[in-house]
Amino acid sequence: MSSQSSLSSDFVVTDRRSGERRQQDDRRKHSIPVALERRSGKDRREKGERRRQVDPTTCEKDYSDEEIIFMKAMDQYKRSNRRPFPTWSEVLEVLHSLGYRKIAEATELPGLPAVSDAQE
C-alpha cells in the first residue's frame, strides 16, 4: 500500500466537470443599449458596381474605355458561365463578341526586345 500511496501523491487530478465554471450571468441575455445598431441594414452602404475584375496591384492605373469594356465583358462571361479561369479560346470568343477581328498583319509584342537590340 505504501507504493500505491506514493504513486498517487505524484498525480494531481483536476475535475472541471462538476458545477458551472461561469460565475456571472450570460451577457447575451441582457438588453444593453448601443449607440448605433449596425446589424439592422438601415445604415449599410448602397451596393455600387464592384471592381472584382481589376487586379489590386494595378488598381492605381487609369484604364482606357476599351480596357474597361473588355474587363466588364470578361467579368460578365465568367459569372454567367461559372468560369473563374477561362481558357484563351474563351477569351478570344469574348473578344470576337465585342467585334474585334484581325484585319492587319501582326506586329512585335510589347515588352519584347527589338530584333536589332538583341543582335547587338
N, C-alpha and C. Protein backbone atom coordinates (compact mmCIF):
# COMPACT_ATOMS: atom_id res chain seq x y z
N MET A 1 0.80 -1.18 0.00
CA MET A 1 0.00 0.00 0.00
C MET A 1 0.84 1.25 0.00
N SER A 2 2.00 1.17 0.58
CA SER A 2 2.84 2.35 0.64
C SER A 2 3.30 2.77 -0.74
N SER A 3 3.54 1.79 -1.63
CA SER A 3 3.94 2.13 -3.01
C SER A 3 2.77 2.78 -3.75
N GLN A 4 1.57 2.34 -3.47
CA GLN A 4 0.40 2.90 -4.14
C GLN A 4 0.14 4.32 -3.65
N SER A 5 0.31 4.59 -2.39
CA SER A 5 0.09 5.93 -1.86
C SER A 5 1.16 6.89 -2.36
N SER A 6 2.39 6.42 -2.55
CA SER A 6 3.44 7.30 -3.07
C SER A 6 3.19 7.64 -4.54
N LEU A 7 2.62 6.71 -5.31
CA LEU A 7 2.30 6.99 -6.71
C LEU A 7 1.16 7.99 -6.82
N SER A 8 0.15 7.85 -5.99
CA SER A 8 -1.00 8.74 -6.08
C SER A 8 -0.64 10.15 -5.66
N SER A 9 0.35 10.33 -4.81
CA SER A 9 0.73 11.68 -4.40
C SER A 9 1.46 12.43 -5.52
N ASP A 10 1.96 11.72 -6.51
CA ASP A 10 2.65 12.36 -7.63
C ASP A 10 1.67 12.94 -8.65
N PHE A 11 0.43 12.52 -8.62
CA PHE A 11 -0.55 12.95 -9.60
C PHE A 11 -1.58 13.88 -8.98
N VAL A 12 -1.95 14.90 -9.73
CA VAL A 12 -3.00 15.80 -9.28
C VAL A 12 -4.10 15.74 -10.33
N VAL A 13 -5.30 15.45 -9.90
CA VAL A 13 -6.44 15.34 -10.81
C VAL A 13 -7.32 16.55 -10.61
N THR A 14 -7.59 17.23 -11.69
CA THR A 14 -8.49 18.38 -11.64
C THR A 14 -9.72 18.02 -12.45
N ASP A 15 -10.83 17.94 -11.78
CA ASP A 15 -12.09 17.59 -12.44
C ASP A 15 -12.90 18.86 -12.62
N ARG A 16 -13.05 19.31 -13.85
CA ARG A 16 -13.79 20.54 -14.12
C ARG A 16 -15.23 20.26 -14.53
N ARG A 17 -15.62 19.01 -14.53
CA ARG A 17 -16.96 18.68 -14.97
C ARG A 17 -18.03 19.04 -13.96
N SER A 18 -17.68 19.17 -12.74
CA SER A 18 -18.71 19.43 -11.73
C SER A 18 -18.92 20.94 -11.58
N GLY A 19 -20.18 21.34 -11.62
CA GLY A 19 -20.52 22.73 -11.39
C GLY A 19 -20.32 23.60 -12.64
N GLU A 20 -20.80 24.82 -12.55
CA GLU A 20 -20.71 25.78 -13.65
C GLU A 20 -19.43 26.59 -13.50
N ARG A 21 -18.68 26.73 -14.55
CA ARG A 21 -17.43 27.49 -14.50
C ARG A 21 -17.69 28.99 -14.48
N ARG A 22 -18.74 29.42 -15.14
CA ARG A 22 -19.04 30.85 -15.20
C ARG A 22 -19.70 31.28 -13.90
N GLN A 23 -19.21 32.37 -13.36
CA GLN A 23 -19.75 32.88 -12.10
C GLN A 23 -20.79 33.97 -12.34
N GLN A 24 -20.75 34.61 -13.53
CA GLN A 24 -21.65 35.71 -13.82
C GLN A 24 -22.77 35.26 -14.75
N ASP A 25 -23.78 36.12 -14.88
CA ASP A 25 -24.86 35.85 -15.81
C ASP A 25 -24.36 35.96 -17.24
N ASP A 26 -25.05 35.33 -18.15
CA ASP A 26 -24.68 35.39 -19.55
C ASP A 26 -25.00 36.79 -20.09
N ARG A 27 -23.99 37.48 -20.58
CA ARG A 27 -24.19 38.86 -21.04
C ARG A 27 -25.06 38.94 -22.28
N ARG A 28 -25.18 37.85 -23.02
CA ARG A 28 -26.01 37.86 -24.22
C ARG A 28 -27.50 37.93 -23.90
N LYS A 29 -27.86 37.60 -22.68
CA LYS A 29 -29.26 37.61 -22.29
C LYS A 29 -29.72 38.99 -21.83
N HIS A 30 -28.79 39.91 -21.62
CA HIS A 30 -29.13 41.27 -21.18
C HIS A 30 -29.40 42.15 -22.40
N SER A 31 -30.30 43.09 -22.24
CA SER A 31 -30.59 44.05 -23.29
C SER A 31 -29.82 45.33 -22.97
N ILE A 32 -28.65 45.47 -23.59
CA ILE A 32 -27.80 46.62 -23.35
C ILE A 32 -27.93 47.56 -24.54
N PRO A 33 -28.28 48.82 -24.32
CA PRO A 33 -28.42 49.75 -25.45
C PRO A 33 -27.06 50.04 -26.10
N VAL A 34 -27.08 50.21 -27.42
CA VAL A 34 -25.86 50.54 -28.15
C VAL A 34 -26.06 51.89 -28.82
N ALA A 35 -24.96 52.56 -29.13
CA ALA A 35 -25.02 53.89 -29.74
C ALA A 35 -25.58 53.83 -31.15
N LEU A 36 -25.17 52.83 -31.91
CA LEU A 36 -25.59 52.71 -33.31
C LEU A 36 -25.79 51.24 -33.63
N GLU A 37 -26.98 50.89 -34.04
CA GLU A 37 -27.29 49.50 -34.40
C GLU A 37 -26.80 49.27 -35.82
N ARG A 38 -25.79 48.44 -35.97
CA ARG A 38 -25.20 48.21 -37.28
C ARG A 38 -25.76 46.99 -37.99
N ARG A 39 -26.46 46.14 -37.27
CA ARG A 39 -26.94 44.90 -37.87
C ARG A 39 -28.28 45.03 -38.57
N SER A 40 -28.94 46.15 -38.45
CA SER A 40 -30.29 46.29 -39.00
C SER A 40 -30.29 46.41 -40.52
N GLY A 41 -29.20 46.89 -41.10
CA GLY A 41 -29.15 47.04 -42.54
C GLY A 41 -29.58 48.41 -43.01
N LYS A 42 -30.07 49.26 -42.10
CA LYS A 42 -30.52 50.58 -42.49
C LYS A 42 -29.36 51.48 -42.88
N ASP A 43 -28.26 51.36 -42.17
CA ASP A 43 -27.13 52.25 -42.42
C ASP A 43 -26.06 51.62 -43.30
N ARG A 44 -26.40 50.52 -43.92
CA ARG A 44 -25.40 49.88 -44.78
C ARG A 44 -25.18 50.70 -46.03
N ARG A 45 -23.99 50.55 -46.59
CA ARG A 45 -23.68 51.27 -47.81
C ARG A 45 -24.51 50.76 -48.97
N GLU A 46 -24.80 51.65 -49.88
CA GLU A 46 -25.53 51.23 -51.07
C GLU A 46 -24.61 50.36 -51.92
N LYS A 47 -25.23 49.37 -52.53
CA LYS A 47 -24.43 48.49 -53.37
C LYS A 47 -24.08 49.21 -54.66
N GLY A 48 -22.82 49.40 -54.89
CA GLY A 48 -22.35 50.02 -56.11
C GLY A 48 -21.75 48.96 -57.02
N GLU A 49 -21.22 49.39 -58.09
CA GLU A 49 -20.60 48.45 -59.02
C GLU A 49 -19.26 48.02 -58.44
N ARG A 50 -19.10 46.73 -58.24
CA ARG A 50 -17.87 46.22 -57.66
C ARG A 50 -16.81 46.08 -58.73
N ARG A 51 -15.57 46.27 -58.34
CA ARG A 51 -14.47 46.18 -59.28
C ARG A 51 -13.70 44.90 -59.02
N ARG A 52 -14.37 43.76 -59.04
CA ARG A 52 -13.73 42.49 -58.76
C ARG A 52 -12.74 42.10 -59.84
N GLN A 53 -12.99 42.54 -61.07
CA GLN A 53 -12.16 42.09 -62.18
C GLN A 53 -10.83 42.84 -62.24
N VAL A 54 -10.66 43.89 -61.45
CA VAL A 54 -9.45 44.69 -61.51
C VAL A 54 -8.43 44.10 -60.56
N ASP A 55 -7.22 43.89 -61.06
CA ASP A 55 -6.13 43.35 -60.27
C ASP A 55 -5.74 44.38 -59.22
N PRO A 56 -5.69 44.02 -57.93
CA PRO A 56 -5.39 45.01 -56.90
C PRO A 56 -4.01 45.66 -57.05
N THR A 57 -3.08 44.97 -57.68
CA THR A 57 -1.75 45.55 -57.84
C THR A 57 -1.74 46.64 -58.90
N THR A 58 -2.75 46.69 -59.75
CA THR A 58 -2.78 47.70 -60.80
C THR A 58 -3.98 48.62 -60.66
N CYS A 59 -4.60 48.67 -59.48
CA CYS A 59 -5.82 49.45 -59.34
C CYS A 59 -5.55 50.95 -59.42
N GLU A 60 -4.31 51.38 -59.31
CA GLU A 60 -4.00 52.80 -59.43
C GLU A 60 -4.03 53.26 -60.89
N LYS A 61 -4.00 52.34 -61.81
CA LYS A 61 -3.93 52.67 -63.23
C LYS A 61 -5.25 53.26 -63.71
N ASP A 62 -5.17 54.25 -64.57
CA ASP A 62 -6.37 54.78 -65.23
C ASP A 62 -6.59 53.96 -66.49
N TYR A 63 -7.65 53.17 -66.49
CA TYR A 63 -7.93 52.30 -67.62
C TYR A 63 -8.62 53.09 -68.73
N SER A 64 -8.30 52.72 -69.96
CA SER A 64 -8.96 53.33 -71.10
C SER A 64 -10.37 52.76 -71.21
N ASP A 65 -11.20 53.41 -72.02
CA ASP A 65 -12.57 52.92 -72.21
C ASP A 65 -12.58 51.51 -72.78
N GLU A 66 -11.69 51.23 -73.73
CA GLU A 66 -11.62 49.88 -74.32
C GLU A 66 -11.26 48.84 -73.27
N GLU A 67 -10.31 49.17 -72.39
CA GLU A 67 -9.91 48.23 -71.35
C GLU A 67 -11.06 47.95 -70.38
N ILE A 68 -11.79 48.98 -70.02
CA ILE A 68 -12.92 48.80 -69.09
C ILE A 68 -14.01 47.96 -69.74
N ILE A 69 -14.30 48.21 -71.02
CA ILE A 69 -15.32 47.42 -71.73
C ILE A 69 -14.89 45.95 -71.78
N PHE A 70 -13.61 45.70 -72.07
CA PHE A 70 -13.11 44.33 -72.13
C PHE A 70 -13.18 43.66 -70.75
N MET A 71 -12.77 44.37 -69.70
CA MET A 71 -12.80 43.78 -68.35
C MET A 71 -14.23 43.46 -67.93
N LYS A 72 -15.17 44.34 -68.24
CA LYS A 72 -16.57 44.09 -67.89
C LYS A 72 -17.13 42.91 -68.68
N ALA A 73 -16.75 42.81 -69.96
CA ALA A 73 -17.22 41.69 -70.78
C ALA A 73 -16.67 40.37 -70.25
N MET A 74 -15.39 40.36 -69.86
CA MET A 74 -14.79 39.14 -69.31
C MET A 74 -15.44 38.77 -67.98
N ASP A 75 -15.71 39.77 -67.15
CA ASP A 75 -16.35 39.50 -65.86
C ASP A 75 -17.75 38.94 -66.06
N GLN A 76 -18.49 39.52 -66.99
CA GLN A 76 -19.84 39.01 -67.28
C GLN A 76 -19.78 37.58 -67.80
N TYR A 77 -18.83 37.30 -68.70
CA TYR A 77 -18.68 35.95 -69.24
C TYR A 77 -18.36 34.95 -68.12
N LYS A 78 -17.42 35.31 -67.24
CA LYS A 78 -17.03 34.41 -66.16
C LYS A 78 -18.18 34.13 -65.21
N ARG A 79 -18.97 35.16 -64.89
CA ARG A 79 -20.10 34.97 -63.98
C ARG A 79 -21.21 34.14 -64.61
N SER A 80 -21.56 34.46 -65.85
CA SER A 80 -22.69 33.76 -66.47
C SER A 80 -22.36 32.31 -66.82
N ASN A 81 -21.08 32.02 -67.08
CA ASN A 81 -20.68 30.65 -67.42
C ASN A 81 -20.01 29.92 -66.26
N ARG A 82 -19.94 30.57 -65.11
CA ARG A 82 -19.30 29.99 -63.93
C ARG A 82 -17.90 29.47 -64.25
N ARG A 83 -17.14 30.34 -64.89
CA ARG A 83 -15.78 30.00 -65.28
C ARG A 83 -14.82 31.02 -64.67
N PRO A 84 -14.31 30.79 -63.46
CA PRO A 84 -13.41 31.77 -62.85
C PRO A 84 -12.09 31.93 -63.61
N PHE A 85 -11.68 30.90 -64.34
CA PHE A 85 -10.43 30.95 -65.09
C PHE A 85 -10.69 30.50 -66.52
N PRO A 86 -11.16 31.40 -67.39
CA PRO A 86 -11.46 30.99 -68.77
C PRO A 86 -10.19 30.65 -69.55
N THR A 87 -10.37 29.79 -70.53
CA THR A 87 -9.25 29.42 -71.39
C THR A 87 -8.99 30.56 -72.38
N TRP A 88 -7.86 30.48 -73.08
CA TRP A 88 -7.55 31.51 -74.08
C TRP A 88 -8.55 31.47 -75.21
N SER A 89 -9.07 30.31 -75.54
CA SER A 89 -10.10 30.21 -76.57
C SER A 89 -11.35 30.98 -76.16
N GLU A 90 -11.70 30.87 -74.87
CA GLU A 90 -12.86 31.60 -74.38
C GLU A 90 -12.61 33.11 -74.38
N VAL A 91 -11.39 33.52 -74.06
CA VAL A 91 -11.05 34.94 -74.11
C VAL A 91 -11.19 35.46 -75.54
N LEU A 92 -10.73 34.65 -76.49
CA LEU A 92 -10.86 35.03 -77.90
C LEU A 92 -12.33 35.12 -78.31
N GLU A 93 -13.17 34.23 -77.79
CA GLU A 93 -14.61 34.30 -78.07
C GLU A 93 -15.20 35.61 -77.56
N VAL A 94 -14.79 36.02 -76.36
CA VAL A 94 -15.29 37.28 -75.80
C VAL A 94 -14.83 38.45 -76.67
N LEU A 95 -13.58 38.41 -77.11
CA LEU A 95 -13.08 39.47 -77.99
C LEU A 95 -13.87 39.53 -79.29
N HIS A 96 -14.16 38.37 -79.87
CA HIS A 96 -14.96 38.34 -81.10
C HIS A 96 -16.36 38.87 -80.86
N SER A 97 -16.93 38.54 -79.68
CA SER A 97 -18.27 39.03 -79.39
C SER A 97 -18.30 40.56 -79.23
N LEU A 98 -17.16 41.15 -78.86
CA LEU A 98 -17.06 42.61 -78.77
C LEU A 98 -16.83 43.26 -80.13
N GLY A 99 -16.58 42.43 -81.16
CA GLY A 99 -16.41 42.98 -82.50
C GLY A 99 -14.97 43.03 -82.98
N TYR A 100 -14.04 42.53 -82.20
CA TYR A 100 -12.64 42.57 -82.62
C TYR A 100 -12.37 41.48 -83.64
N ARG A 101 -11.70 41.87 -84.73
CA ARG A 101 -11.30 40.93 -85.80
C ARG A 101 -9.88 41.27 -86.22
N LYS A 102 -9.18 40.29 -86.72
CA LYS A 102 -7.82 40.51 -87.21
C LYS A 102 -7.93 41.08 -88.62
N ILE A 103 -7.47 42.34 -88.79
CA ILE A 103 -7.55 42.97 -90.11
C ILE A 103 -6.18 43.40 -90.61
N ALA A 104 -5.17 43.35 -89.76
CA ALA A 104 -3.83 43.79 -90.16
C ALA A 104 -2.82 42.69 -89.86
N GLU A 105 -1.63 42.86 -90.39
CA GLU A 105 -0.55 41.92 -90.12
C GLU A 105 -0.08 42.07 -88.68
N ALA A 106 0.47 41.02 -88.14
CA ALA A 106 0.93 41.03 -86.75
C ALA A 106 2.13 41.95 -86.60
N THR A 107 2.25 42.57 -85.44
CA THR A 107 3.39 43.41 -85.11
C THR A 107 4.13 42.77 -83.95
N GLU A 108 5.24 43.39 -83.55
CA GLU A 108 6.00 42.85 -82.42
C GLU A 108 5.19 42.99 -81.14
N LEU A 109 5.35 42.02 -80.27
CA LEU A 109 4.65 42.07 -78.99
C LEU A 109 5.26 43.15 -78.11
N PRO A 110 4.46 43.86 -77.35
CA PRO A 110 5.01 44.88 -76.46
C PRO A 110 5.84 44.23 -75.35
N GLY A 111 6.94 44.89 -74.99
CA GLY A 111 7.79 44.38 -73.92
C GLY A 111 8.91 43.49 -74.39
N LEU A 112 8.84 42.98 -75.62
CA LEU A 112 9.92 42.15 -76.14
C LEU A 112 10.99 43.04 -76.75
N PRO A 113 12.26 42.67 -76.62
CA PRO A 113 13.30 43.49 -77.23
C PRO A 113 13.20 43.44 -78.76
N ALA A 114 13.53 44.55 -79.37
CA ALA A 114 13.51 44.61 -80.84
C ALA A 114 14.59 43.70 -81.39
N VAL A 115 14.42 43.27 -82.64
CA VAL A 115 15.37 42.34 -83.28
C VAL A 115 16.74 42.98 -83.34
N SER A 116 16.84 44.28 -83.64
CA SER A 116 18.12 44.93 -83.75
C SER A 116 18.80 45.05 -82.38
N ASP A 117 18.02 45.21 -81.30
CA ASP A 117 18.59 45.30 -79.95
C ASP A 117 19.18 43.97 -79.51
N ALA A 118 18.56 42.87 -79.90
CA ALA A 118 19.00 41.54 -79.46
C ALA A 118 20.30 41.15 -80.15
N GLN A 119 20.56 41.66 -81.36
CA GLN A 119 21.75 41.26 -82.10
C GLN A 119 22.98 42.02 -81.63
N GLU A 120 22.83 43.19 -81.01
CA GLU A 120 23.97 43.99 -80.59
C GLU A 120 24.66 43.47 -79.39
